[in-house]
PDB file of N, CA and C in Angstrom:
ATOM      1  N   MET A   1    -128.586-112.750  41.391  1.00  0.00           N
ATOM      2  CA  MET A   1    -128.947-113.800  40.440  1.00  0.00           C
ATOM      3  C   MET A   1    -130.654-114.470  40.688  1.00  0.00           C
ATOM      4  N   THR A   2    -131.203-114.289  40.235  1.00  0.00           N
ATOM      5  CA  THR A   2    -132.418-115.099  40.125  1.00  0.00           C
ATOM      6  C   THR A   2    -132.462-116.395  40.020  1.00  0.00           C
ATOM      7  N   LEU A   3    -132.538-117.750  40.624  1.00  0.00           N
ATOM      8  CA  LEU A   3    -132.195-119.324  40.491  1.00  0.00           C
ATOM      9  C   LEU A   3    -133.164-119.340  38.995  1.00  0.00           C
ATOM     10  N   GLY A   4    -132.608-120.253  38.094  1.00  0.00           N
ATOM     11  CA  GLY A   4    -132.720-120.170  36.741  1.00  0.00           C
ATOM     12  C   GLY A   4    -133.140-119.702  35.947  1.00  0.00           C
ATOM     13  N   ARG A   5    -133.281-118.081  36.214  1.00  0.00           N
ATOM     14  CA  ARG A   5    -133.630-116.876  35.281  1.00  0.00           C
ATOM     15  C   ARG A   5    -132.303-116.574  34.415  1.00  0.00           C
ATOM     16  N   THR A   6    -131.188-116.500  35.330  1.00  0.00           N
ATOM     17  CA  THR A   6    -130.331-115.908  34.511  1.00  0.00           C
ATOM     18  C   THR A   6    -129.810-117.413  33.511  1.00  0.00           C
ATOM     19  N   LYS A   7    -129.274-116.899  32.833  1.00  0.00           N
ATOM     20  CA  LYS A   7    -128.795-117.725  30.986  1.00  0.00           C
ATOM     21  C   LYS A   7    -127.422-117.847  31.090  1.00  0.00           C
ATOM     22  N   PHE A   8    -126.309-118.585  30.997  1.00  0.00           N
ATOM     23  CA  PHE A   8    -125.175-118.472  30.569  1.00  0.00           C
ATOM     24  C   PHE A   8    -125.078-119.139  29.250  1.00  0.00           C
ATOM     25  N   GLU A   9    -124.407-118.370  28.196  1.00  0.00           N
ATOM     26  CA  GLU A   9    -124.126-119.383  26.869  1.00  0.00           C
ATOM     27  C   GLU A   9    -123.142-119.158  26.706  1.00  0.00           C
ATOM     28  N   THR A  10    -122.739-120.172  25.790  1.00  0.00           N
ATOM     29  CA  THR A  10    -121.452-120.219  25.069  1.00  0.00           C
ATOM     30  C   THR A  10    -121.445-121.048  23.589  1.00  0.00           C
ATOM     31  N   GLU A  11    -121.548-120.507  22.433  1.00  0.00           N
ATOM     32  CA  GLU A  11    -121.291-120.949  21.435  1.00  0.00           C
ATOM     33  C   GLU A  11    -120.230-122.136  20.937  1.00  0.00           C
ATOM     34  N   LEU A  12    -120.648-122.422  20.175  1.00  0.00           N
ATOM     35  CA  LEU A  12    -119.309-123.620  19.924  1.00  0.00           C
ATOM     36  C   LEU A  12    -119.516-124.207  18.573  1.00  0.00           C
ATOM     37  N   GLN A  13    -118.461-124.753  17.820  1.00  0.00           N
ATOM     38  CA  GLN A  13    -118.827-125.436  16.136  1.00  0.00           C
ATOM     39  C   GLN A  13    -118.327-126.646  16.251  1.00  0.00           C
ATOM     40  N   VAL A  14    -119.084-127.454  15.360  1.00  0.00           N
ATOM     41  CA  VAL A  14    -119.046-128.914  15.243  1.00  0.00           C
ATOM     42  C   VAL A  14    -117.669-128.766  14.449  1.00  0.00           C
ATOM     43  N   ARG A  15    -116.667-129.613  15.237  1.00  0.00           N
ATOM     44  CA  ARG A  15    -115.312-130.207  14.380  1.00  0.00           C
ATOM     45  C   ARG A  15    -115.378-131.475  13.757  1.00  0.00           C
ATOM     46  N   PRO A  16    -114.595-131.590  12.841  1.00  0.00           N
ATOM     47  CA  PRO A  16    -113.878-132.804  12.329  1.00  0.00           C
ATOM     48  C   PRO A  16    -114.431-134.013  13.241  1.00  0.00           C
ATOM     49  N   ASP A  17    -113.196-133.745  13.961  1.00  0.00           N
ATOM     50  CA  ASP A  17    -113.411-135.399  14.702  1.00  0.00           C
ATOM     51  C   ASP A  17    -114.393-135.160  15.927  1.00  0.00           C
ATOM     52  N   ASP A  18    -115.234-134.615  15.872  1.00  0.00           N
ATOM     53  CA  ASP A  18    -116.741-134.585  16.227  1.00  0.00           C
ATOM     54  C   ASP A  18    -117.854-135.942  15.675  1.00  0.00           C
ATOM     55  N   ILE A  19    -117.175-135.664  14.450  1.00  0.00           N
ATOM     56  CA  ILE A  19    -118.367-136.610  13.891  1.00  0.00           C
ATOM     57  C   ILE A  19    -118.109-138.474  13.438  1.00  0.00           C
ATOM     58  N   ASP A  20    -118.959-139.071  13.740  1.00  0.00           N
ATOM     59  CA  ASP A  20    -119.086-140.060  13.567  1.00  0.00           C
ATOM     60  C   ASP A  20    -119.292-140.423  11.880  1.00  0.00           C
ATOM     61  N   MET A  21    -119.294-142.006  11.880  1.00  0.00           N
ATOM     62  CA  MET A  21    -119.538-142.586  10.554  1.00  0.00           C
ATOM     63  C   MET A  21    -120.932-142.584   9.797  1.00  0.00           C
ATOM     64  N   ASN A  22    -121.766-141.901  10.968  1.00  0.00           N
ATOM     65  CA  ASN A  22    -123.195-141.209  10.445  1.00  0.00           C
ATOM     66  C   ASN A  22    -123.356-140.027   9.941  1.00  0.00           C
ATOM     67  N   GLN A  23    -121.704-139.515   9.811  1.00  0.00           N
ATOM     68  CA  GLN A  23    -122.175-137.810   9.262  1.00  0.00           C
ATOM     69  C   GLN A  23    -122.319-137.184  10.428  1.00  0.00           C
ATOM     70  N   HIS A  24    -122.756-137.222  11.342  1.00  0.00           N
ATOM     71  CA  HIS A  24    -123.130-136.070  12.369  1.00  0.00           C
ATOM     72  C   HIS A  24    -122.538-136.335  13.585  1.00  0.00           C
ATOM     73  N   VAL A  25    -122.901-135.871  14.548  1.00  0.00           N
ATOM     74  CA  VAL A  25    -121.899-135.788  15.802  1.00  0.00           C
ATOM     75  C   VAL A  25    -122.256-136.595  16.712  1.00  0.00           C
ATOM     76  N   HIS A  26    -120.935-137.452  17.279  1.00  0.00           N
ATOM     77  CA  HIS A  26    -121.473-138.491  18.129  1.00  0.00           C
ATOM     78  C   HIS A  26    -122.151-138.216  19.495  1.00  0.00           C
ATOM     79  N   GLY A  27    -122.637-139.448  20.024  1.00  0.00           N
ATOM     80  CA  GLY A  27    -123.430-138.848  21.309  1.00  0.00           C
ATOM     81  C   GLY A  27    -122.721-138.765  22.108  1.00  0.00           C
ATOM     82  N   SER A  28    -121.276-139.196  22.388  1.00  0.00           N
ATOM     83  CA  SER A  28    -120.871-138.719  23.548  1.00  0.00           C
ATOM     84  C   SER A  28    -120.129-137.437  23.394  1.00  0.00           C
ATOM     85  N   ARG A  29    -119.843-136.992  22.269  1.00  0.00           N
ATOM     86  CA  ARG A  29    -119.319-135.052  22.361  1.00  0.00           C
ATOM     87  C   ARG A  29    -120.464-134.336  22.606  1.00  0.00           C
ATOM     88  N   TYR A  30    -121.404-134.497  23.108  1.00  0.00           N
ATOM     89  CA  TYR A  30    -122.754-133.631  23.114  1.00  0.00           C
ATOM     90  C   TYR A  30    -121.976-133.710  25.229  1.00  0.00           C
ATOM     91  N   PHE A  31    -121.056-134.345  25.754  1.00  0.00           N
ATOM     92  CA  PHE A  31    -120.802-133.775  27.243  1.00  0.00           C
ATOM     93  C   PHE A  31    -119.599-133.356  27.369  1.00  0.00           C
ATOM     94  N   ASP A  32    -118.823-133.628  25.884  1.00  0.00           N
ATOM     95  CA  ASP A  32    -117.763-132.768  25.867  1.00  0.00           C
ATOM     96  C   ASP A  32    -118.344-131.583  25.602  1.00  0.00           C
ATOM     97  N   TYR A  33    -118.952-130.848  25.216  1.00  0.00           N
ATOM     98  CA  TYR A  33    -119.652-129.784  24.841  1.00  0.00           C
ATOM     99  C   TYR A  33    -119.792-129.020  26.201  1.00  0.00           C
ATOM    100  N   VAL A  34    -120.496-130.009  26.692  1.00  0.00           N
ATOM    101  CA  VAL A  34    -121.023-129.093  27.847  1.00  0.00           C
ATOM    102  C   VAL A  34    -120.204-129.044  28.938  1.00  0.00           C
ATOM    103  N   LEU A  35    -118.664-129.933  28.943  1.00  0.00           N
ATOM    104  CA  LEU A  35    -117.588-129.295  29.598  1.00  0.00           C
ATOM    105  C   LEU A  35    -117.200-128.661  29.305  1.00  0.00           C
ATOM    106  N   ALA A  36    -116.584-128.364  28.084  1.00  0.00           N
ATOM    107  CA  ALA A  36    -116.089-127.120  27.088  1.00  0.00           C
ATOM    108  C   ALA A  36    -116.924-125.761  27.434  1.00  0.00           C
ATOM    109  N   ALA A  37    -118.494-125.898  27.600  1.00  0.00           N
ATOM    110  CA  ALA A  37    -119.189-124.331  27.791  1.00  0.00           C
ATOM    111  C   ALA A  37    -118.850-124.280  29.442  1.00  0.00           C
ATOM    112  N   ARG A  38    -118.614-125.422  29.991  1.00  0.00           N
ATOM    113  CA  ARG A  38    -118.502-124.858  31.688  1.00  0.00           C
ATOM    114  C   ARG A  38    -117.599-124.675  31.612  1.00  0.00           C
ATOM    115  N   TYR A  39    -115.854-124.948  31.018  1.00  0.00           N
ATOM    116  CA  TYR A  39    -115.041-123.903  31.105  1.00  0.00           C
ATOM    117  C   TYR A  39    -115.185-122.476  30.882  1.00  0.00           C
ATOM    118  N   ASP A  40    -115.217-122.494  30.034  1.00  0.00           N
ATOM    119  CA  ASP A  40    -115.759-121.229  29.296  1.00  0.00           C
ATOM    120  C   ASP A  40    -116.341-119.913  30.375  1.00  0.00           C
ATOM    121  N   GLN A  41    -117.908-120.596  30.542  1.00  0.00           N
ATOM    122  CA  GLN A  41    -118.352-120.193  31.385  1.00  0.00           C
ATOM    123  C   GLN A  41    -118.134-119.749  33.094  1.00  0.00           C
ATOM    124  N   MET A  42    -117.205-120.707  33.305  1.00  0.00           N
ATOM    125  CA  MET A  42    -116.669-120.575  34.835  1.00  0.00           C
ATOM    126  C   MET A  42    -115.580-119.009  34.692  1.00  0.00           C
ATOM    127  N   GLU A  43    -115.147-119.058  33.521  1.00  0.00           N
ATOM    128  CA  GLU A  43    -113.871-117.895  33.555  1.00  0.00           C
ATOM    129  C   GLU A  43    -115.426-116.475  33.205  1.00  0.00           C
ATOM    130  N   ARG A  44    -115.486-116.437  32.482  1.00  0.00           N
ATOM    131  CA  ARG A  44    -116.493-115.544  31.534  1.00  0.00           C
ATOM    132  C   ARG A  44    -117.421-114.908  32.647  1.00  0.00           C
ATOM    133  N   CYS A  45    -118.127-115.829  32.890  1.00  0.00           N
ATOM    134  CA  CYS A  45    -119.311-115.343  33.327  1.00  0.00           C
ATOM    135  C   CYS A  45    -119.646-115.369  35.028  1.00  0.00           C
ATOM    136  N   TYR A  46    -118.887-116.229  35.474  1.00  0.00           N
ATOM    137  CA  TYR A  46    -118.352-116.204  37.081  1.00  0.00           C
ATOM    138  C   TYR A  46    -117.567-115.494  37.737  1.00  0.00           C
ATOM    139  N   LYS A  47    -116.406-115.454  36.873  1.00  0.00           N
ATOM    140  CA  LYS A  47    -115.087-114.601  37.122  1.00  0.00           C
ATOM    141  C   LYS A  47    -114.343-115.326  37.629  1.00  0.00           C
ATOM    142  N   MET A  48    -114.441-116.398  37.764  1.00  0.00           N
ATOM    143  CA  MET A  48    -113.220-117.513  38.450  1.00  0.00           C
ATOM    144  C   MET A  48    -112.738-119.020  37.297  1.00  0.00           C
ATOM    145  N   SER A  49    -111.577-118.837  36.893  1.00  0.00           N
ATOM    146  CA  SER A  49    -110.679-119.804  36.753  1.00  0.00           C
ATOM    147  C   SER A  49    -110.905-121.112  36.959  1.00  0.00           C
ATOM    148  N   MET A  50    -111.157-122.037  36.233  1.00  0.00           N
ATOM    149  CA  MET A  50    -110.733-123.302  36.975  1.00  0.00           C
ATOM    150  C   MET A  50    -110.086-123.477  38.051  1.00  0.00           C
ATOM    151  N   GLU A  51    -108.820-123.036  37.673  1.00  0.00           N
ATOM    152  CA  GLU A  51    -107.407-123.464  38.370  1.00  0.00           C
ATOM    153  C   GLU A  51    -107.987-122.654  39.593  1.00  0.00           C
ATOM    154  N   GLU A  52    -108.366-121.610  40.203  1.00  0.00           N
ATOM    155  CA  GLU A  52    -108.912-121.049  41.501  1.00  0.00           C
ATOM    156  C   GLU A  52    -110.199-121.824  41.780  1.00  0.00           C
ATOM    157  N   PHE A  53    -111.059-122.150  40.992  1.00  0.00           N
ATOM    158  CA  PHE A  53    -111.973-122.641  41.447  1.00  0.00           C
ATOM    159  C   PHE A  53    -111.429-124.531  42.076  1.00  0.00           C
ATOM    160  N   ILE A  54    -110.393-125.160  42.078  1.00  0.00           N
ATOM    161  CA  ILE A  54    -110.037-126.371  42.220  1.00  0.00           C
ATOM    162  C   ILE A  54    -109.230-125.781  43.626  1.00  0.00           C
ATOM    163  N   LYS A  55    -108.758-124.945  43.269  1.00  0.00           N
ATOM    164  CA  LYS A  55    -107.419-124.566  44.383  1.00  0.00           C
ATOM    165  C   LYS A  55    -108.397-123.853  45.696  1.00  0.00           C
ATOM    166  N   ALA A  56    -109.819-123.919  45.369  1.00  0.00           N
ATOM    167  CA  ALA A  56    -110.559-123.248  46.688  1.00  0.00           C
ATOM    168  C   ALA A  56    -111.453-124.573  47.115  1.00  0.00           C
ATOM    169  N   GLY A  57    -111.109-125.501  46.712  1.00  0.00           N
ATOM    170  CA  GLY A  57    -111.359-126.753  47.210  1.00  0.00           C
ATOM    171  C   GLY A  57    -112.524-127.198  46.459  1.00  0.00           C
ATOM    172  N   PHE A  58    -113.177-126.842  45.602  1.00  0.00           N
ATOM    173  CA  PHE A  58    -114.034-127.191  44.461  1.00  0.00           C
ATOM    174  C   PHE A  58    -114.267-127.631  43.855  1.00  0.00           C
ATOM    175  N   GLY A  59    -115.107-128.527  43.264  1.00  0.00           N
ATOM    176  CA  GLY A  59    -114.921-128.917  41.643  1.00  0.00           C
ATOM    177  C   GLY A  59    -116.058-129.484  41.225  1.00  0.00           C
ATOM    178  N   TRP A  60    -116.028-130.522  40.258  1.00  0.00           N
ATOM    179  CA  TRP A  60    -117.740-130.592  39.440  1.00  0.00           C
ATOM    180  C   TRP A  60    -117.789-132.249  39.196  1.00  0.00           C
ATOM    181  N   PHE A  61    -118.823-132.750  39.375  1.00  0.00           N
ATOM    182  CA  PHE A  61    -118.934-133.644  39.030  1.00  0.00           C
ATOM    183  C   PHE A  61    -120.351-133.711  38.432  1.00  0.00           C
ATOM    184  N   ILE A  62    -120.465-134.945  37.466  1.00  0.00           N
ATOM    185  CA  ILE A  62    -121.655-135.366  37.319  1.00  0.00           C
ATOM    186  C   ILE A  62    -122.526-136.348  37.851  1.00  0.00           C
ATOM    187  N   ARG A  63    -123.820-136.021  38.211  1.00  0.00           N
ATOM    188  CA  ARG A  63    -124.602-136.681  38.921  1.00  0.00           C
ATOM    189  C   ARG A  63    -126.112-137.841  38.515  1.00  0.00           C
ATOM    190  N   THR A  64    -126.548-136.748  37.925  1.00  0.00           N
ATOM    191  CA  THR A  64    -127.038-137.375  36.745  1.00  0.00           C
ATOM    192  C   THR A  64    -127.110-136.830  35.549  1.00  0.00           C
ATOM    193  N   ALA A  65    -127.680-137.473  34.411  1.00  0.00           N
ATOM    194  CA  ALA A  65    -127.694-136.829  32.780  1.00  0.00           C
ATOM    195  C   ALA A  65    -128.466-137.057  31.943  1.00  0.00           C
ATOM    196  N   HIS A  66    -129.182-136.227  31.197  1.00  0.00           N
ATOM    197  CA  HIS A  66    -130.286-136.263  30.735  1.00  0.00           C
ATOM    198  C   HIS A  66    -129.940-135.889  28.910  1.00  0.00           C
ATOM    199  N   VAL A  67    -129.905-136.265  28.077  1.00  0.00           N
ATOM    200  CA  VAL A  67    -129.849-135.696  26.766  1.00  0.00           C
ATOM    201  C   VAL A  67    -131.412-136.327  25.545  1.00  0.00           C
ATOM    202  N   GLU A  68    -131.814-135.067  25.426  1.00  0.00           N
ATOM    203  CA  GLU A  68    -132.817-135.179  24.565  1.00  0.00           C
ATOM    204  C   GLU A  68    -132.674-135.252  23.205  1.00  0.00           C
ATOM    205  N   TYR A  69    -131.799-136.038  22.039  1.00  0.00           N
ATOM    206  CA  TYR A  69    -131.040-135.048  20.704  1.00  0.00           C
ATOM    207  C   TYR A  69    -132.533-134.378  20.072  1.00  0.00           C
ATOM    208  N   LYS A  70    -132.568-132.935  19.409  1.00  0.00           N
ATOM    209  CA  LYS A  70    -133.554-132.663  18.664  1.00  0.00           C
ATOM    210  C   LYS A  70    -133.343-133.092  17.440  1.00  0.00           C
ATOM    211  N   ARG A  71    -132.288-132.603  16.923  1.00  0.00           N
ATOM    212  CA  ARG A  71    -132.056-133.223  15.517  1.00  0.00           C
ATOM    213  C   ARG A  71    -130.203-133.310  15.365  1.00  0.00           C
ATOM    214  N   PRO A  72    -129.754-133.759  14.316  1.00  0.00           N
ATOM    215  CA  PRO A  72    -128.623-134.385  14.229  1.00  0.00           C
ATOM    216  C   PRO A  72    -127.750-133.018  13.893  1.00  0.00           C
ATOM    217  N   LEU A  73    -126.597-132.634  14.875  1.00  0.00           N
ATOM    218  CA  LEU A  73    -125.792-131.618  14.422  1.00  0.00           C
ATOM    219  C   LEU A  73    -124.416-132.362  13.344  1.00  0.00           C
ATOM    220  N   ARG A  74    -123.914-131.445  12.376  1.00  0.00           N
ATOM    221  CA  ARG A  74    -122.940-131.942  11.252  1.00  0.00           C
ATOM    222  C   ARG A  74    -121.969-130.746  11.352  1.00  0.00           C
ATOM    223  N   LEU A  75    -120.995-131.342  10.400  1.00  0.00           N
ATOM    224  CA  LEU A  75    -120.103-130.772  10.259  1.00  0.00           C
ATOM    225  C   LEU A  75    -120.046-129.499  10.170  1.00  0.00           C
ATOM    226  N   GLY A  76    -119.392-128.619  11.010  1.00  0.00           N
ATOM    227  CA  GLY A  76    -118.935-127.002  10.546  1.00  0.00           C
ATOM    228  C   GLY A  76    -120.331-126.261  11.621  1.00  0.00           C
ATOM    229  N   GLU A  77    -121.831-126.809  11.954  1.00  0.00           N
ATOM    230  CA  GLU A  77    -122.778-126.354  12.415  1.00  0.00           C
ATOM    231  C   GLU A  77    -122.392-125.471  13.906  1.00  0.00           C
ATOM    232  N   ARG A  78    -122.713-124.851  14.109  1.00  0.00           N
ATOM    233  CA  ARG A  78    -122.703-123.695  15.177  1.00  0.00           C
ATOM    234  C   ARG A  78    -123.873-124.335  16.254  1.00  0.00           C
ATOM    235  N   MET A  79    -123.429-124.423  17.400  1.00  0.00           N
ATOM    236  CA  MET A  79    -124.765-124.702  18.247  1.00  0.00           C
ATOM    237  C   MET A  79    -124.758-123.888  19.793  1.00  0.00           C
ATOM    238  N   THR A  80    -125.330-123.767  20.354  1.00  0.00           N
ATOM    239  CA  THR A  80    -125.057-122.423  22.040  1.00  0.00           C
ATOM    240  C   THR A  80    -125.542-123.448  22.852  1.00  0.00           C
ATOM    241  N   ILE A  81    -124.649-123.954  23.491  1.00  0.00           N
ATOM    242  CA  ILE A  81    -124.930-124.323  25.073  1.00  0.00           C
ATOM    243  C   ILE A  81    -124.755-123.641  25.991  1.00  0.00           C
ATOM    244  N   ARG A  82    -126.386-123.972  26.797  1.00  0.00           N
ATOM    245  CA  ARG A  82    -126.995-122.649  27.681  1.00  0.00           C
ATOM    246  C   ARG A  82    -127.035-123.379  29.423  1.00  0.00           C
ATOM    247  N   THR A  83    -126.644-122.961  30.002  1.00  0.00           N
ATOM    248  CA  THR A  83    -126.422-123.143  31.881  1.00  0.00           C
ATOM    249  C   THR A  83    -127.406-122.456  32.504  1.00  0.00           C
ATOM    250  N   TRP A  84    -127.619-123.026  33.733  1.00  0.00           N
ATOM    251  CA  TRP A  84    -128.470-121.910  34.594  1.00  0.00           C
ATOM    252  C   TRP A  84    -128.007-122.648  35.929  1.00  0.00           C
ATOM    253  N   VAL A  85    -128.099-122.188  37.356  1.00  0.00           N
ATOM    254  CA  VAL A  85    -128.101-122.361  38.312  1.00  0.00           C
ATOM    255  C   VAL A  85    -129.685-122.557  38.591  1.00  0.00           C
ATOM    256  N   GLU A  86    -129.934-124.112  38.871  1.00  0.00           N
ATOM    257  CA  GLU A  86    -131.526-124.168  39.149  1.00  0.00           C
ATOM    258  C   GLU A  86    -131.497-124.674  40.641  1.00  0.00           C
ATOM    259  N   GLU A  87    -130.855-124.703  41.393  1.00  0.00           N
ATOM    260  CA  GLU A  87    -130.660-124.779  42.819  1.00  0.00           C
ATOM    261  C   GLU A  87    -129.740-124.690  43.559  1.00  0.00           C
ATOM    262  N   ILE A  88    -129.316-124.172  44.886  1.00  0.00           N
ATOM    263  CA  ILE A  88    -128.540-123.849  45.670  1.00  0.00           C
ATOM    264  C   ILE A  88    -128.715-124.704  46.849  1.00  0.00           C
ATOM    265  N   PHE A  89    -127.687-125.573  47.583  1.00  0.00           N
ATOM    266  CA  PHE A  89    -127.663-126.329  48.628  1.00  0.00           C
ATOM    267  C   PHE A  89    -126.294-125.919  49.508  1.00  0.00           C
ATOM    268  N   LYS A  90    -126.566-126.706  50.846  1.00  0.00           N
ATOM    269  CA  LYS A  90    -125.342-125.994  51.714  1.00  0.00           C
ATOM    270  C   LYS A  90    -124.200-126.463  50.863  1.00  0.00           C
ATOM    271  N   ASP A  91    -124.029-127.819  50.313  1.00  0.00           N
ATOM    272  CA  ASP A  91    -123.374-128.095  50.063  1.00  0.00           C
ATOM    273  C   ASP A  91    -122.479-128.297  48.492  1.00  0.00           C
ATOM    274  N   GLY A  92    -123.535-127.914  47.556  1.00  0.00           N
ATOM    275  CA  GLY A  92    -123.508-127.764  46.353  1.00  0.00           C
ATOM    276  C   GLY A  92    -124.403-126.827  45.518  1.00  0.00           C
ATOM    277  N   VAL A  93    -124.445-127.440  44.257  1.00  0.00           N
ATOM    278  CA  VAL A  93    -125.239-126.653  43.229  1.00  0.00           C
ATOM    279  C   VAL A  93    -125.649-127.969  42.259  1.00  0.00           C
ATOM    280  N   ARG A  94    -126.595-127.571  41.830  1.00  0.00           N
ATOM    281  CA  ARG A  94    -127.403-128.097  40.939  1.00  0.00           C
ATOM    282  C   ARG A  94    -127.476-127.133  39.358  1.00  0.00           C
ATOM    283  N   VAL A  95    -126.691-127.141  38.461  1.00  0.00           N
ATOM    284  CA  VAL A  95    -126.616-126.385  37.180  1.00  0.00           C
ATOM    285  C   VAL A  95    -127.902-127.090  36.353  1.00  0.00           C
TER     286      VAL A  95
END
């Protein structure tokens, strides 16, 4: 795997409970989408279930987060969550 070049993608659809009073996805839901993609990609792309990951003593946490909203997402729309391994450290990984 070449750092930053291998992209992992998960497609999700906006659900009714994601919508706020302005009729678009509530800002906090975007982090839920990233979490859902993480679970999917762990199993499908990394070939390791979250249960195995945790049992091995590993864990995920958010150190920093930045969101730039390109446009509002609305009910029923589909989106692609794309991640990649940016950097590998002795004791962690930046995704």
